[in-house]
Amino acid sequence: MAEITDLKKIPEYQEKSIISRILLKNSGGNVTCFAFGEGESLSEHTTPYDAFILILEGNAEIKIADEIFHLKEYETIILPANIPHAVKAISNFKMILAMIKSKSQ
């Protein structure tokens, strides 16, 4: 069923929290919107599939392997499969995370 989602309102920021809302999930992957409170982070981890991040607002620090990237509104980055990565909120920020599974997974 088609649905309009206002990403300026959903998910809302909560102090000292990371809030997420799944926008799409199926066997091919998923698309999730995250709202990070300033200073919040996702610790270093790996996933078995590629991921795409789009910063909607605010500033984030993305670490991929040993390289650190600073992203701002409307910038994107690819997180390669099986490579350690981490996310940290420099300010309150929102992002879209799209994870795409390969046909072999």
Protein backbone atom coordinates (compact mmCIF):
# COMPACT_ATOMS: atom_id res chain seq x y z
CA MET A 1 0.00 0.00 0.00
CA ALA A 2 1.37 3.42 -0.96
CA GLU A 3 2.06 5.82 1.88
CA ILE A 4 3.58 9.30 2.15
CA THR A 5 6.15 9.75 4.94
CA ASP A 6 7.40 13.17 6.08
CA LEU A 7 11.01 12.51 7.06
CA LYS A 8 11.29 15.93 8.70
CA LYS A 9 8.87 14.67 11.35
CA ILE A 10 9.44 10.91 11.42
CA PRO A 11 11.37 9.73 13.26
CA GLU A 12 11.60 12.56 15.78
CA TYR A 13 14.81 13.28 17.66
CA GLN A 14 15.06 12.13 21.25
CA GLU A 15 17.89 13.31 23.47
CA LYS A 16 20.57 10.67 24.10
CA SER A 17 18.85 8.22 21.73
CA ILE A 18 18.91 6.71 18.28
CA ILE A 19 15.41 6.33 16.85
CA SER A 20 14.67 4.34 13.70
CA ARG A 21 11.73 3.70 11.46
CA ILE A 22 11.72 0.98 8.82
CA LEU A 23 10.31 2.41 5.59
CA LEU A 24 10.63 -0.70 3.42
CA LYS A 25 11.65 -4.28 4.14
CA ASN A 26 11.62 -7.27 1.84
CA SER A 27 13.84 -10.17 0.78
CA GLY A 28 16.06 -7.82 -1.28
CA GLY A 29 16.97 -5.61 1.67
CA ASN A 30 15.53 -2.73 3.63
CA VAL A 31 15.37 1.06 3.87
CA THR A 32 15.39 2.65 7.32
CA CYS A 33 15.33 6.26 8.50
CA PHE A 34 17.37 7.02 11.63
CA ALA A 35 17.39 10.07 13.92
CA PHE A 36 20.53 10.30 16.06
CA GLY A 37 20.78 12.56 19.09
CA GLU A 38 24.02 14.57 19.22
CA GLY A 39 26.91 12.40 20.41
CA GLU A 40 25.09 9.10 19.90
CA SER A 41 26.78 6.38 17.87
CA LEU A 42 26.59 2.90 16.42
CA SER A 43 29.71 0.99 17.40
CA GLU A 44 31.96 -0.60 14.81
CA HIS A 45 30.40 -3.64 13.14
CA THR A 46 30.18 -5.42 9.78
CA THR A 47 27.31 -6.56 7.60
CA PRO A 48 27.35 -9.20 4.85
CA TYR A 49 25.85 -6.77 2.28
CA ASP A 50 26.49 -3.30 0.88
CA ALA A 51 24.73 -0.34 2.45
CA PHE A 52 23.99 3.19 1.21
CA ILE A 53 23.72 6.18 3.56
CA LEU A 54 22.08 9.52 2.69
CA ILE A 55 22.35 12.29 5.28
CA LEU A 56 19.03 14.17 5.43
CA GLU A 57 20.05 16.79 7.99
CA GLY A 58 22.82 17.48 10.47
CA ASN A 59 26.39 16.17 10.54
CA ALA A 60 27.79 12.69 10.98
CA GLU A 61 31.13 10.97 11.24
CA ILE A 62 31.29 7.68 9.36
CA LYS A 63 34.24 5.36 9.91
CA ILE A 64 34.93 2.70 7.29
CA ALA A 65 37.86 0.41 8.15
CA ASP A 66 40.41 2.95 9.44
CA GLU A 67 39.21 5.93 7.38
CA ILE A 68 36.97 8.66 8.83
CA PHE A 69 34.52 10.63 6.69
CA HIS A 70 32.56 13.74 7.75
CA LEU A 71 29.21 13.98 6.01
CA LYS A 72 26.62 16.73 5.99
CA GLU A 73 23.12 17.22 4.63
CA TYR A 74 22.51 15.60 1.21
CA GLU A 75 25.85 13.79 1.10
CA THR A 76 26.02 10.03 0.59
CA ILE A 77 28.46 7.21 1.19
CA ILE A 78 28.59 3.49 0.45
CA LEU A 79 29.44 1.04 3.24
CA PRO A 80 31.02 -1.98 1.53
CA ALA A 81 29.98 -5.47 2.62
CA ASN A 82 32.14 -7.18 5.24
CA ILE A 83 34.20 -4.03 6.00
CA PRO A 84 34.02 -2.69 9.59
CA HIS A 85 32.15 0.60 9.91
CA ALA A 86 30.75 2.88 12.62
CA VAL A 87 28.47 5.94 12.76
CA LYS A 88 28.67 8.91 15.16
CA ALA A 89 26.41 11.96 15.43
CA ILE A 90 28.44 15.20 15.43
CA SER A 91 25.12 17.04 15.81
CA ASN A 92 21.54 15.81 15.78
CA PHE A 93 21.26 14.16 12.39
CA LYS A 94 18.95 12.03 10.28
CA MET A 95 19.95 9.51 7.67
CA ILE A 96 18.43 7.03 5.30
CA LEU A 97 20.13 3.64 5.37
CA ALA A 98 19.44 1.30 2.45
CA MET A 99 20.84 -2.21 2.79
CA ILE A 100 20.90 -4.27 -0.39
CA LYS A 101 21.31 -8.03 -0.28
CA SER A 102 23.04 -9.73 -3.20
CA LYS A 103 21.31 -12.54 -5.06
CA SER A 104 23.75 -15.05 -3.55
CA GLN A 105 22.69 -14.26 0.05
